[in-house]
Amino acid sequence: MTSLLSACTMMGQPKTFTFRHNPIAADPQAAGSAQVMTQAGGMVTTTLTLTGLTPGKTYAAHYHAFGPDSNTDPCASNGPVTVGFPSFTADAAGRASTTVTSEMAKIAGDQGAYINVHYGDDLKVVPVCAPLKMTKG
């Protein structure tokens, strides 16, 4: 990811990744993007902008590292959390956004290979995922 972020997010120029809906019934209209921007001092700011969520529902989002379950689909790899976003609640129209700033080291390499958005009250429910890196290594 370091090379991905370095090549695509020169200081002040964000890289945008699109969320895709996971093959589950939860929030079938959920969609959105993750905007990743490098900052001074080895920091990265990521802003999630989402639509189609359940109005009034609380969500959690996390960067995940590649897990053991897949070499080609980070969203299916069941990897460990590397950075958590502040929890957020969808507005009456099902829209929400949240931002986190983290050290590049916590999302570089195979860390931060994808971002999941989970139901806040049931982290097993993951309506959308944004793959940031498609292969290990």
N, C-alpha and C. Protein backbone atom coordinates (compact mmCIF):
# COMPACT_ATOMS: atom_id res chain seq x y z
N MET A 1 0.81 -1.18 0.00
CA MET A 1 0.00 0.00 0.00
C MET A 1 0.86 1.24 0.00
N THR A 2 2.03 1.19 0.59
CA THR A 2 2.87 2.38 0.59
C THR A 2 3.07 2.89 -0.82
N SER A 3 3.44 2.00 -1.73
CA SER A 3 3.65 2.45 -3.11
C SER A 3 2.34 2.89 -3.74
N LEU A 4 1.24 2.23 -3.42
CA LEU A 4 -0.05 2.62 -3.95
C LEU A 4 -0.40 4.02 -3.48
N LEU A 5 -0.29 4.28 -2.19
CA LEU A 5 -0.60 5.60 -1.67
C LEU A 5 0.40 6.64 -2.15
N SER A 6 1.68 6.30 -2.18
CA SER A 6 2.69 7.25 -2.61
C SER A 6 2.50 7.65 -4.06
N ALA A 7 2.19 6.69 -4.89
CA ALA A 7 2.04 6.96 -6.31
C ALA A 7 0.76 7.73 -6.61
N CYS A 8 -0.29 7.50 -5.80
CA CYS A 8 -1.59 8.06 -6.13
C CYS A 8 -2.01 9.25 -5.29
N THR A 9 -1.33 9.49 -4.19
CA THR A 9 -1.81 10.53 -3.29
C THR A 9 -0.68 11.47 -2.91
N MET A 10 -0.13 12.13 -3.89
CA MET A 10 0.87 13.13 -3.55
C MET A 10 0.22 14.12 -2.60
N MET A 11 0.99 14.78 -1.80
CA MET A 11 0.48 15.69 -0.79
C MET A 11 -0.62 16.58 -1.37
N GLY A 12 -1.82 16.50 -0.77
CA GLY A 12 -2.93 17.33 -1.20
C GLY A 12 -3.75 16.77 -2.34
N GLN A 13 -3.36 15.66 -2.94
CA GLN A 13 -4.11 15.07 -4.03
C GLN A 13 -4.64 13.71 -3.58
N PRO A 14 -5.92 13.63 -3.17
CA PRO A 14 -6.45 12.38 -2.63
C PRO A 14 -6.67 11.31 -3.70
N LYS A 15 -6.69 10.09 -3.24
CA LYS A 15 -7.04 8.94 -4.08
C LYS A 15 -8.39 8.45 -3.57
N THR A 16 -9.32 8.18 -4.48
CA THR A 16 -10.66 7.74 -4.11
C THR A 16 -10.85 6.27 -4.47
N PHE A 17 -11.38 5.51 -3.51
CA PHE A 17 -11.68 4.10 -3.69
C PHE A 17 -13.19 3.92 -3.54
N THR A 18 -13.79 3.11 -4.38
CA THR A 18 -15.24 2.90 -4.38
C THR A 18 -15.61 1.69 -3.53
N PHE A 19 -16.63 1.87 -2.71
CA PHE A 19 -17.17 0.74 -1.95
C PHE A 19 -17.99 -0.13 -2.87
N ARG A 20 -17.97 -1.43 -2.62
CA ARG A 20 -18.83 -2.36 -3.34
C ARG A 20 -19.71 -3.06 -2.30
N HIS A 21 -20.90 -3.42 -2.73
CA HIS A 21 -21.82 -4.09 -1.82
C HIS A 21 -21.42 -5.56 -1.69
N ASN A 22 -21.39 -6.04 -0.45
CA ASN A 22 -21.09 -7.44 -0.21
C ASN A 22 -22.32 -8.29 -0.53
N PRO A 23 -22.13 -9.57 -0.81
CA PRO A 23 -23.26 -10.43 -1.19
C PRO A 23 -24.12 -10.83 0.02
N ILE A 24 -24.74 -9.83 0.67
CA ILE A 24 -25.65 -10.06 1.79
C ILE A 24 -26.87 -9.17 1.59
N ALA A 25 -27.92 -9.43 2.35
CA ALA A 25 -29.16 -8.66 2.19
C ALA A 25 -29.12 -7.30 2.88
N ALA A 26 -28.17 -7.08 3.79
CA ALA A 26 -28.13 -5.84 4.57
C ALA A 26 -27.89 -4.62 3.69
N ASP A 27 -28.70 -3.60 3.90
CA ASP A 27 -28.54 -2.31 3.21
C ASP A 27 -28.25 -2.48 1.71
N PRO A 28 -29.20 -3.05 0.96
CA PRO A 28 -28.94 -3.37 -0.45
C PRO A 28 -28.60 -2.17 -1.33
N GLN A 29 -28.93 -0.95 -0.90
CA GLN A 29 -28.62 0.25 -1.69
C GLN A 29 -27.35 0.94 -1.22
N ALA A 30 -26.66 0.35 -0.25
CA ALA A 30 -25.46 0.99 0.32
C ALA A 30 -24.38 1.14 -0.75
N ALA A 31 -23.74 2.31 -0.74
CA ALA A 31 -22.67 2.62 -1.69
C ALA A 31 -21.85 3.75 -1.09
N GLY A 32 -20.77 4.08 -1.75
CA GLY A 32 -19.98 5.21 -1.28
C GLY A 32 -18.54 5.13 -1.72
N SER A 33 -17.73 5.98 -1.07
CA SER A 33 -16.32 6.04 -1.42
C SER A 33 -15.47 6.32 -0.19
N ALA A 34 -14.20 5.98 -0.33
CA ALA A 34 -13.18 6.28 0.68
C ALA A 34 -12.16 7.17 -0.01
N GLN A 35 -11.96 8.35 0.54
CA GLN A 35 -10.99 9.28 -0.01
C GLN A 35 -9.78 9.28 0.91
N VAL A 36 -8.62 8.92 0.37
CA VAL A 36 -7.39 8.76 1.14
C VAL A 36 -6.40 9.84 0.71
N MET A 37 -5.90 10.60 1.71
CA MET A 37 -4.97 11.68 1.40
C MET A 37 -3.78 11.62 2.36
N THR A 38 -2.59 11.63 1.79
CA THR A 38 -1.39 11.67 2.63
C THR A 38 -1.22 13.07 3.19
N GLN A 39 -0.72 13.13 4.41
CA GLN A 39 -0.49 14.39 5.12
C GLN A 39 0.99 14.48 5.46
N ALA A 40 1.39 15.60 5.95
CA ALA A 40 2.77 15.78 6.40
C ALA A 40 3.06 14.87 7.59
N GLY A 41 4.30 14.49 7.75
CA GLY A 41 4.72 13.72 8.91
C GLY A 41 4.31 12.26 8.88
N GLY A 42 4.08 11.71 7.71
CA GLY A 42 3.77 10.29 7.61
C GLY A 42 2.36 9.92 8.05
N MET A 43 1.44 10.86 7.98
CA MET A 43 0.06 10.61 8.38
C MET A 43 -0.82 10.48 7.13
N VAL A 44 -1.94 9.79 7.30
CA VAL A 44 -2.91 9.60 6.23
C VAL A 44 -4.29 9.92 6.79
N THR A 45 -5.06 10.74 6.06
CA THR A 45 -6.43 11.04 6.44
C THR A 45 -7.36 10.35 5.46
N THR A 46 -8.33 9.60 5.99
CA THR A 46 -9.29 8.88 5.17
C THR A 46 -10.69 9.34 5.54
N THR A 47 -11.46 9.73 4.54
CA THR A 47 -12.85 10.14 4.74
C THR A 47 -13.77 9.19 3.98
N LEU A 48 -14.72 8.62 4.70
CA LEU A 48 -15.73 7.75 4.09
C LEU A 48 -16.99 8.56 3.88
N THR A 49 -17.56 8.45 2.68
CA THR A 49 -18.82 9.10 2.34
C THR A 49 -19.75 8.00 1.83
N LEU A 50 -20.87 7.80 2.54
CA LEU A 50 -21.74 6.66 2.26
C LEU A 50 -23.18 7.10 2.04
N THR A 51 -23.90 6.32 1.21
CA THR A 51 -25.32 6.52 0.96
C THR A 51 -26.00 5.16 1.02
N GLY A 52 -27.34 5.17 1.07
CA GLY A 52 -28.09 3.92 1.02
C GLY A 52 -28.05 3.12 2.30
N LEU A 53 -27.64 3.75 3.40
CA LEU A 53 -27.60 3.07 4.68
C LEU A 53 -28.99 3.09 5.33
N THR A 54 -29.16 2.35 6.40
CA THR A 54 -30.42 2.35 7.13
C THR A 54 -30.51 3.64 7.95
N PRO A 55 -31.51 4.48 7.70
CA PRO A 55 -31.63 5.73 8.44
C PRO A 55 -31.66 5.49 9.96
N GLY A 56 -30.87 6.29 10.68
CA GLY A 56 -30.83 6.21 12.13
C GLY A 56 -29.98 5.09 12.70
N LYS A 57 -29.43 4.24 11.85
CA LYS A 57 -28.61 3.12 12.31
C LYS A 57 -27.17 3.57 12.54
N THR A 58 -26.56 3.00 13.58
CA THR A 58 -25.16 3.29 13.88
C THR A 58 -24.27 2.26 13.19
N TYR A 59 -23.14 2.74 12.68
CA TYR A 59 -22.20 1.91 11.94
C TYR A 59 -20.80 2.05 12.52
N ALA A 60 -19.96 1.07 12.22
CA ALA A 60 -18.54 1.10 12.53
C ALA A 60 -17.79 0.82 11.23
N ALA A 61 -16.60 1.38 11.09
CA ALA A 61 -15.78 1.13 9.91
C ALA A 61 -14.35 0.93 10.35
N HIS A 62 -13.64 0.08 9.61
CA HIS A 62 -12.27 -0.26 9.97
C HIS A 62 -11.43 -0.50 8.73
N TYR A 63 -10.16 -0.12 8.81
CA TYR A 63 -9.15 -0.64 7.88
C TYR A 63 -8.84 -2.04 8.36
N HIS A 64 -8.70 -2.97 7.42
CA HIS A 64 -8.31 -4.34 7.72
C HIS A 64 -7.08 -4.70 6.91
N ALA A 65 -6.21 -5.51 7.48
CA ALA A 65 -5.08 -6.09 6.75
C ALA A 65 -5.60 -7.31 5.99
N PHE A 66 -4.83 -7.76 5.01
CA PHE A 66 -5.15 -9.02 4.35
C PHE A 66 -5.23 -10.11 5.40
N GLY A 67 -6.20 -10.98 5.24
CA GLY A 67 -6.34 -12.14 6.12
C GLY A 67 -5.94 -13.41 5.41
N PRO A 68 -6.08 -14.53 6.09
CA PRO A 68 -5.64 -15.81 5.55
C PRO A 68 -6.58 -16.42 4.51
N ASP A 69 -7.79 -15.88 4.35
CA ASP A 69 -8.79 -16.56 3.54
C ASP A 69 -8.73 -16.30 2.05
N SER A 70 -7.93 -15.34 1.60
CA SER A 70 -7.91 -15.05 0.18
C SER A 70 -6.62 -14.34 -0.20
N ASN A 71 -6.09 -14.68 -1.36
CA ASN A 71 -4.94 -13.97 -1.91
C ASN A 71 -5.34 -12.93 -2.94
N THR A 72 -6.60 -12.99 -3.40
CA THR A 72 -6.99 -12.11 -4.50
C THR A 72 -8.17 -11.19 -4.19
N ASP A 73 -8.89 -11.42 -3.11
CA ASP A 73 -10.02 -10.57 -2.77
C ASP A 73 -9.89 -10.15 -1.31
N PRO A 74 -9.33 -8.98 -1.06
CA PRO A 74 -9.13 -8.56 0.32
C PRO A 74 -10.43 -8.52 1.11
N CYS A 75 -11.54 -8.17 0.47
CA CYS A 75 -12.82 -8.08 1.18
C CYS A 75 -13.29 -9.44 1.69
N ALA A 76 -12.81 -10.51 1.11
CA ALA A 76 -13.19 -11.85 1.55
C ALA A 76 -12.13 -12.51 2.41
N SER A 77 -11.08 -11.76 2.75
CA SER A 77 -9.93 -12.40 3.40
C SER A 77 -10.01 -12.50 4.91
N ASN A 78 -10.99 -11.83 5.53
CA ASN A 78 -11.18 -11.95 6.98
C ASN A 78 -9.94 -11.54 7.76
N GLY A 79 -9.38 -10.39 7.40
CA GLY A 79 -8.15 -9.92 8.02
C GLY A 79 -8.40 -9.13 9.29
N PRO A 80 -7.35 -8.95 10.08
CA PRO A 80 -7.46 -8.22 11.34
C PRO A 80 -7.62 -6.71 11.14
N VAL A 81 -8.25 -6.05 12.09
CA VAL A 81 -8.41 -4.60 12.08
C VAL A 81 -7.07 -3.95 12.35
N THR A 82 -6.74 -2.92 11.56
CA THR A 82 -5.51 -2.16 11.78
C THR A 82 -5.78 -0.74 12.24
N VAL A 83 -6.87 -0.15 11.80
CA VAL A 83 -7.25 1.21 12.21
C VAL A 83 -8.78 1.27 12.25
N GLY A 84 -9.31 1.84 13.32
CA GLY A 84 -10.75 2.02 13.43
C GLY A 84 -11.15 3.46 13.18
N PHE A 85 -12.29 3.65 12.54
CA PHE A 85 -12.89 4.97 12.34
C PHE A 85 -13.81 5.25 13.52
N PRO A 86 -14.10 6.51 13.81
CA PRO A 86 -15.12 6.81 14.82
C PRO A 86 -16.47 6.25 14.35
N SER A 87 -17.27 5.73 15.27
CA SER A 87 -18.59 5.23 14.88
C SER A 87 -19.43 6.41 14.37
N PHE A 88 -20.44 6.09 13.56
CA PHE A 88 -21.26 7.13 12.95
C PHE A 88 -22.67 6.60 12.77
N THR A 89 -23.62 7.51 12.61
CA THR A 89 -25.03 7.17 12.45
C THR A 89 -25.53 7.76 11.14
N ALA A 90 -26.26 6.94 10.38
CA ALA A 90 -26.83 7.41 9.11
C ALA A 90 -27.94 8.42 9.39
N ASP A 91 -28.00 9.47 8.58
CA ASP A 91 -29.05 10.48 8.75
C ASP A 91 -30.38 9.93 8.23
N ALA A 92 -31.42 10.77 8.24
CA ALA A 92 -32.76 10.34 7.84
C ALA A 92 -32.83 9.90 6.38
N ALA A 93 -31.89 10.34 5.55
CA ALA A 93 -31.83 9.94 4.14
C ALA A 93 -30.89 8.77 3.91
N GLY A 94 -30.29 8.22 4.98
CA GLY A 94 -29.38 7.08 4.83
C GLY A 94 -27.97 7.47 4.44
N ARG A 95 -27.61 8.73 4.64
CA ARG A 95 -26.26 9.20 4.31
C ARG A 95 -25.43 9.32 5.58
N ALA A 96 -24.12 9.15 5.43
CA ALA A 96 -23.21 9.31 6.57
C ALA A 96 -21.80 9.52 6.06
N SER A 97 -20.98 10.11 6.93
CA SER A 97 -19.55 10.22 6.63
C SER A 97 -18.79 10.16 7.95
N THR A 98 -17.54 9.75 7.85
CA THR A 98 -16.66 9.69 9.01
C THR A 98 -15.23 9.83 8.50
N THR A 99 -14.35 10.34 9.36
CA THR A 99 -12.96 10.58 8.98
C THR A 99 -12.04 10.09 10.08
N VAL A 100 -10.91 9.53 9.67
CA VAL A 100 -9.87 9.15 10.62
C VAL A 100 -8.52 9.56 10.05
N THR A 101 -7.63 9.97 10.94
CA THR A 101 -6.24 10.24 10.56
C THR A 101 -5.38 9.25 11.32
N SER A 102 -4.48 8.59 10.60
CA SER A 102 -3.66 7.54 11.17
C SER A 102 -2.24 7.61 10.62
N GLU A 103 -1.35 6.92 11.29
CA GLU A 103 0.02 6.79 10.79
C GLU A 103 0.03 5.92 9.54
N MET A 104 0.81 6.32 8.55
CA MET A 104 0.94 5.56 7.31
C MET A 104 1.33 4.11 7.60
N ALA A 105 2.18 3.87 8.60
CA ALA A 105 2.65 2.52 8.91
C ALA A 105 1.51 1.57 9.26
N LYS A 106 0.40 2.10 9.78
CA LYS A 106 -0.72 1.25 10.17
C LYS A 106 -1.58 0.83 8.99
N ILE A 107 -1.40 1.48 7.82
CA ILE A 107 -2.17 1.09 6.65
C ILE A 107 -1.28 0.78 5.45
N ALA A 108 0.02 0.75 5.63
CA ALA A 108 0.96 0.49 4.54
C ALA A 108 1.14 -1.00 4.31
N GLY A 109 1.73 -1.36 3.19
CA GLY A 109 1.99 -2.76 2.87
C GLY A 109 0.68 -3.52 2.77
N ASP A 110 0.60 -4.67 3.42
CA ASP A 110 -0.64 -5.44 3.42
C ASP A 110 -1.57 -5.02 4.55
N GLN A 111 -1.15 -4.04 5.34
CA GLN A 111 -2.06 -3.43 6.31
C GLN A 111 -3.00 -2.53 5.52
N GLY A 112 -4.23 -2.41 5.96
CA GLY A 112 -5.15 -1.53 5.27
C GLY A 112 -5.43 -1.95 3.85
N ALA A 113 -5.51 -3.24 3.61
CA ALA A 113 -5.78 -3.74 2.27
C ALA A 113 -7.23 -3.50 1.86
N TYR A 114 -8.10 -3.30 2.87
CA TYR A 114 -9.50 -2.99 2.57
C TYR A 114 -10.13 -2.27 3.76
N ILE A 115 -11.28 -1.61 3.48
CA ILE A 115 -12.06 -0.94 4.52
C ILE A 115 -13.44 -1.56 4.51
N ASN A 116 -13.89 -2.05 5.66
CA ASN A 116 -15.24 -2.57 5.82
C ASN A 116 -16.09 -1.57 6.59
N VAL A 117 -17.37 -1.50 6.23
CA VAL A 117 -18.37 -0.78 7.02
C VAL A 117 -19.28 -1.85 7.62
N HIS A 118 -19.36 -1.86 8.95
CA HIS A 118 -20.12 -2.86 9.71
C HIS A 118 -21.32 -2.22 10.38
N TYR A 119 -22.34 -3.02 10.69
CA TYR A 119 -23.38 -2.55 11.59
C TYR A 119 -22.74 -2.32 12.95
N GLY A 120 -23.05 -1.23 13.61
CA GLY A 120 -22.47 -0.92 14.91
C GLY A 120 -22.89 -1.91 15.99
N ASP A 121 -24.10 -2.47 15.85
CA ASP A 121 -24.59 -3.41 16.87
C ASP A 121 -24.36 -4.86 16.50
N ASP A 122 -23.76 -5.12 15.33
CA ASP A 122 -23.44 -6.49 14.92
C ASP A 122 -22.31 -6.42 13.90
N LEU A 123 -21.08 -6.50 14.38
CA LEU A 123 -19.92 -6.34 13.50
C LEU A 123 -19.79 -7.44 12.46
N LYS A 124 -20.57 -8.51 12.58
CA LYS A 124 -20.55 -9.57 11.57
C LYS A 124 -21.27 -9.16 10.30
N VAL A 125 -22.12 -8.13 10.39
CA VAL A 125 -22.87 -7.64 9.23
C VAL A 125 -22.04 -6.55 8.56
N VAL A 126 -21.64 -6.82 7.31
CA VAL A 126 -20.77 -5.90 6.56
C VAL A 126 -21.43 -5.61 5.21
N PRO A 127 -22.22 -4.53 5.14
CA PRO A 127 -22.88 -4.23 3.88
C PRO A 127 -21.94 -3.86 2.74
N VAL A 128 -20.88 -3.08 3.03
CA VAL A 128 -19.99 -2.63 1.95
C VAL A 128 -18.52 -2.74 2.34
N CYS A 129 -17.69 -2.89 1.31
CA CYS A 129 -16.25 -3.01 1.47
C CYS A 129 -15.57 -2.22 0.35
N ALA A 130 -14.45 -1.58 0.69
CA ALA A 130 -13.65 -0.88 -0.33
C ALA A 130 -12.28 -1.53 -0.38
N PRO A 131 -12.00 -2.32 -1.42
CA PRO A 131 -10.65 -2.88 -1.56
C PRO A 131 -9.67 -1.79 -1.96
N LEU A 132 -8.56 -1.71 -1.22
CA LEU A 132 -7.54 -0.71 -1.51
C LEU A 132 -6.33 -1.32 -2.19
N LYS A 133 -6.15 -2.61 -2.01
CA LYS A 133 -5.03 -3.33 -2.60
C LYS A 133 -5.55 -4.71 -2.95
N MET A 134 -5.28 -5.18 -4.15
CA MET A 134 -5.94 -6.40 -4.62
C MET A 134 -5.14 -7.68 -4.43
N THR A 135 -3.85 -7.60 -4.20
CA THR A 135 -3.07 -8.82 -3.99
C THR A 135 -2.11 -8.64 -2.83
N LYS A 136 -1.79 -9.74 -2.18
CA LYS A 136 -0.83 -9.69 -1.06
C LYS A 136 0.56 -9.38 -1.59
N GLY A 137 1.35 -8.75 -0.72
CA GLY A 137 2.74 -8.51 -1.05
C GLY A 137 3.01 -7.13 -1.53
